[in-house]
C-alpha atoms as a PDB file:
ATOM      1  CA  UNK A   1      -0.254  -0.189  -0.114  1.00  0.00           C
ATOM      2  CA  UNK A   2       1.679   3.298  -1.217  1.00  0.00           C
ATOM      3  CA  UNK A   3       0.893   6.885  -0.375  1.00  0.00           C
ATOM      4  CA  UNK A   4      -1.820   8.272  -2.938  1.00  0.00           C
ATOM      5  CA  UNK A   5       0.240  11.687  -2.732  1.00  0.00           C
ATOM      6  CA  UNK A   6       4.333  10.949  -2.818  1.00  0.00           C
ATOM      7  CA  UNK A   7       4.187   6.901  -3.757  1.00  0.00           C
ATOM      8  CA  UNK A   8       6.172   6.062  -0.611  1.00  0.00           C
ATOM      9  CA  UNK A   9       4.963   2.726   1.094  1.00  0.00           C
ATOM     10  CA  UNK A  10       2.881   3.795   4.066  1.00  0.00           C
ATOM     11  CA  UNK A  11       3.287   2.627   7.676  1.00  0.00           C
ATOM     12  CA  UNK A  12      -0.032   0.359   8.433  1.00  0.00           C
ATOM     13  CA  UNK A  13      -1.230  -0.154  11.967  1.00  0.00           C
ATOM     14  CA  UNK A  14      -4.032  -1.397  13.754  1.00  0.00           C
ATOM     15  CA  UNK A  15      -6.084   1.504  15.770  1.00  0.00           C
ATOM     16  CA  UNK A  16      -8.157   0.265  19.092  1.00  0.00           C
ATOM     17  CA  UNK A  17     -11.868   0.703  19.520  1.00  0.00           C
ATOM     18  CA  UNK A  18     -11.389   4.299  21.637  1.00  0.00           C
ATOM     19  CA  UNK A  19      -9.279   5.893  18.603  1.00  0.00           C
ATOM     20  CA  UNK A  20     -11.577   4.284  15.640  1.00  0.00           C
ATOM     21  CA  UNK A  21     -13.833   7.716  15.906  1.00  0.00           C
ATOM     22  CA  UNK A  22     -10.931   9.809  15.101  1.00  0.00           C
ATOM     23  CA  UNK A  23     -10.445   8.065  11.925  1.00  0.00           C
ATOM     24  CA  UNK A  24     -11.518   9.977   8.915  1.00  0.00           C
ATOM     25  CA  UNK A  25     -13.004   6.752   7.806  1.00  0.00           C
ATOM     26  CA  UNK A  26     -14.586   4.129   9.803  1.00  0.00           C
ATOM     27  CA  UNK A  27     -11.868   1.319   9.677  1.00  0.00           C
ATOM     28  CA  UNK A  28     -10.222  -0.873  11.860  1.00  0.00           C
ATOM     29  CA  UNK A  29      -7.189   0.424  10.701  1.00  0.00           C
ATOM     30  CA  UNK A  30      -5.224   3.173   9.430  1.00  0.00           C
ATOM     31  CA  UNK A  31      -1.769   3.996   7.602  1.00  0.00           C
ATOM     32  CA  UNK A  32       0.588   6.800   7.858  1.00  0.00           C
ATOM     33  CA  UNK A  33       2.856   7.938   5.359  1.00  0.00           C
ATOM     34  CA  UNK A  34       6.528   8.214   6.839  1.00  0.00           C
ATOM     35  CA  UNK A  35       7.514  10.978   4.244  1.00  0.00           C
ATOM     36  CA  UNK A  36       4.384  13.461   3.938  1.00  0.00           C
ATOM     37  CA  UNK A  37       2.512  12.391   7.155  1.00  0.00           C
ATOM     38  CA  UNK A  38      -0.918  11.626   5.242  1.00  0.00           C
ATOM     39  CA  UNK A  39      -3.286   9.569   7.019  1.00  0.00           C
ATOM     40  CA  UNK A  40      -5.105   6.855   5.143  1.00  0.00           C
ATOM     41  CA  UNK A  41      -7.775   4.401   6.451  1.00  0.00           C
ATOM     42  CA  UNK A  42      -6.697   0.482   5.993  1.00  0.00           C
ATOM     43  CA  UNK A  43      -9.744  -2.045   6.226  1.00  0.00           C
ATOM     44  CA  UNK A  44      -7.108  -4.631   6.898  1.00  0.00           C
ATOM     45  CA  UNK A  45      -4.493  -3.920   8.917  1.00  0.00           C
ATOM     46  CA  UNK A  46      -1.639  -5.662  10.792  1.00  0.00           C
ATOM     47  CA  UNK A  47      -2.753  -7.649  13.796  1.00  0.00           C
ATOM     48  CA  UNK A  48      -0.054  -5.670  15.949  1.00  0.00           C
ATOM     49  CA  UNK A  49       1.508  -2.396  16.250  1.00  0.00           C
ATOM     50  CA  UNK A  50       4.676  -1.374  14.074  1.00  0.00           C
ATOM     51  CA  UNK A  51       7.648   0.038  14.839  1.00  0.00           C
ATOM     52  CA  UNK A  52       6.902   3.803  14.118  1.00  0.00           C
ATOM     53  CA  UNK A  53      10.613   4.570  14.170  1.00  0.00           C
ATOM     54  CA  UNK A  54      10.152   4.430  10.491  1.00  0.00           C
ATOM     55  CA  UNK A  55       8.437   7.607  10.366  1.00  0.00           C
ATOM     56  CA  UNK A  56      11.719   9.354  12.039  1.00  0.00           C
ATOM     57  CA  UNK A  57      13.331   9.229  15.070  1.00  0.00           C
ATOM     58  CA  UNK A  58      11.106  11.634  17.044  1.00  0.00           C
ATOM     59  CA  UNK A  59       8.211   9.638  16.500  1.00  0.00           C
ATOM     60  CA  UNK A  60       6.799   8.017  19.701  1.00  0.00           C
ATOM     61  CA  UNK A  61       6.501   4.409  20.561  1.00  0.00           C
ATOM     62  CA  UNK A  62       4.480   2.715  22.868  1.00  0.00           C
ATOM     63  CA  UNK A  63       0.864   4.219  23.755  1.00  0.00           C
ATOM     64  CA  UNK A  64       1.543   7.546  22.404  1.00  0.00           C
ATOM     65  CA  UNK A  65       2.498   6.260  18.633  1.00  0.00           C
ATOM     66  CA  UNK A  66      -1.226   5.472  17.175  1.00  0.00           C
ATOM     67  CA  UNK A  67      -2.606   8.604  18.783  1.00  0.00           C
ATOM     68  CA  UNK A  68       0.326  10.740  17.582  1.00  0.00           C
ATOM     69  CA  UNK A  69      -0.166   8.930  14.116  1.00  0.00           C
ATOM     70  CA  UNK A  70      -4.128  10.048  13.924  1.00  0.00           C
ATOM     71  CA  UNK A  71      -3.553  13.311  15.355  1.00  0.00           C
ATOM     72  CA  UNK A  72      -0.984  14.133  12.382  1.00  0.00           C
ATOM     73  CA  UNK A  73      -3.139  12.768  10.012  1.00  0.00           C
ATOM     74  CA  UNK A  74      -6.067  15.258  11.336  1.00  0.00           C
ATOM     75  CA  UNK A  75      -3.619  17.949  11.035  1.00  0.00           C
ATOM     76  CA  UNK A  76      -4.824  19.285   7.566  1.00  0.00           C
ATOM     77  CA  UNK A  77      -8.004  20.381   8.962  1.00  0.00           C
ATOM     78  CA  UNK A  78      -7.239  21.875  12.465  1.00  0.00           C
ATOM     79  CA  UNK A  79     -11.013  23.501  12.811  1.00  0.00           C
ATOM     80  CA  UNK A  80     -12.691  20.875  11.862  1.00  0.00           C
ATOM     81  CA  UNK A  81     -10.711  18.494  14.192  1.00  0.00           C
ATOM     82  CA  UNK A  82      -9.612  20.448  17.234  1.00  0.00           C
ATOM     83  CA  UNK A  83     -11.928  18.611  19.748  1.00  0.00           C
ATOM     84  CA  UNK A  84     -10.163  15.206  17.923  1.00  0.00           C
ATOM     85  CA  UNK A  85      -6.273  16.540  18.177  1.00  0.00           C
ATOM     86  CA  UNK A  86      -6.856  17.973  21.557  1.00  0.00           C
ATOM     87  CA  UNK A  87      -7.972  14.689  22.628  1.00  0.00           C
ATOM     88  CA  UNK A  88      -5.441  12.778  20.882  1.00  0.00           C
ATOM     89  CA  UNK A  89      -2.541  15.006  22.223  1.00  0.00           C
ATOM     90  CA  UNK A  90      -4.059  14.687  25.917  1.00  0.00           C
ATOM     91  CA  UNK A  91      -3.600  10.796  25.549  1.00  0.00           C
ATOM     92  CA  UNK A  92       0.201  11.214  23.825  1.00  0.00           C
ATOM     93  CA  UNK A  93       0.909  13.369  26.624  1.00  0.00           C
ATOM     94  CA  UNK A  94      -0.581  11.074  29.303  1.00  0.00           C
ATOM     95  CA  UNK A  95       1.742   8.430  28.308  1.00  0.00           C
ATOM     96  CA  UNK A  96       4.936  10.807  28.937  1.00  0.00           C
ATOM     97  CA  UNK A  97       5.334  12.190  25.369  1.00  0.00           C
ATOM     98  CA  UNK A  98       5.007  16.018  24.525  1.00  0.00           C
ATOM     99  CA  UNK A  99       3.315  15.978  21.250  1.00  0.00           C
ATOM    100  CA  UNK A 100       4.209  19.720  20.555  1.00  0.00           C
ATOM    101  CA  UNK A 101       8.097  18.849  20.566  1.00  0.00           C
ATOM    102  CA  UNK A 102       7.320  15.888  18.510  1.00  0.00           C
ATOM    103  CA  UNK A 103       5.563  18.334  15.503  1.00  0.00           C
ATOM    104  CA  UNK A 104       9.191  20.617  16.312  1.00  0.00           C
ATOM    105  CA  UNK A 105      11.067  17.393  15.603  1.00  0.00           C
ATOM    106  CA  UNK A 106       9.563  16.107  13.120  1.00  0.00           C
ATOM    107  CA  UNK A 107       9.676  19.463  11.134  1.00  0.00           C
ATOM    108  CA  UNK A 108      12.862  19.371  11.698  1.00  0.00           C
ATOM    109  CA  UNK A 109      13.520  15.780  10.198  1.00  0.00           C
ATOM    110  CA  UNK A 110      15.305  15.809   6.658  1.00  0.00           C
ATOM    111  CA  UNK A 111      13.189  12.423   5.849  1.00  0.00           C
ATOM    112  CA  UNK A 112      10.079  14.077   6.684  1.00  0.00           C
ATOM    113  CA  UNK A 113       8.335  16.467   3.878  1.00  0.00           C
ATOM    114  CA  UNK A 114       4.928  16.834   5.484  1.00  0.00           C
ATOM    115  CA  UNK A 115       1.982  17.995   3.209  1.00  0.00           C
ATOM    116  CA  UNK A 116       0.936  20.459   6.291  1.00  0.00           C
ATOM    117  CA  UNK A 117       3.166  23.122   7.646  1.00  0.00           C
ATOM    118  CA  UNK A 118       4.130  21.367  11.100  1.00  0.00           C
ATOM    119  CA  UNK A 119       5.614  24.462  12.349  1.00  0.00           C
ATOM    120  CA  UNK A 120       2.621  26.600  11.094  1.00  0.00           C
ATOM    121  CA  UNK A 121       0.282  24.318  12.834  1.00  0.00           C
ATOM    122  CA  UNK A 122       2.246  23.841  16.195  1.00  0.00           C
ATOM    123  CA  UNK A 123       1.852  27.831  16.607  1.00  0.00           C
ATOM    124  CA  UNK A 124      -2.022  27.466  16.086  1.00  0.00           C
ATOM    125  CA  UNK A 125      -2.151  24.559  18.381  1.00  0.00           C
ATOM    126  CA  UNK A 126      -0.428  26.399  20.873  1.00  0.00           C
ATOM    127  CA  UNK A 127      -3.105  29.274  20.877  1.00  0.00           C
ATOM    128  CA  UNK A 128      -6.144  26.704  20.464  1.00  0.00           C
ATOM    129  CA  UNK A 129      -5.247  24.677  23.095  1.00  0.00           C
ATOM    130  CA  UNK A 130      -4.335  26.589  25.704  1.00  0.00           C
END
């Protein structure tokens, strides 16, 4: 499964029931592009959560990985997804990771060429989520 925007192989992952309502489409899984950070539904995800290090070293592992990936996919429409992003970021923070710091570090990673201006979104999120 490749990214429809940049043709990079997508990183596929299952999504727990608690996070499925935040996906753009009803699907048991999702896939994120390690290059442009686009999120796509995955109707047949793998059974285990993969190593998200493929997205970049700053990407969190463990409990923070899936909510962070979904939040990144929702950043393209901050106005429509504000409450979902806030909830997902709260889960990332509860697991011990600063989601805004992840955005900073991903923006500085040479392998990431996000379709969304991560620095611009970070500034907007700081204002909206405070």
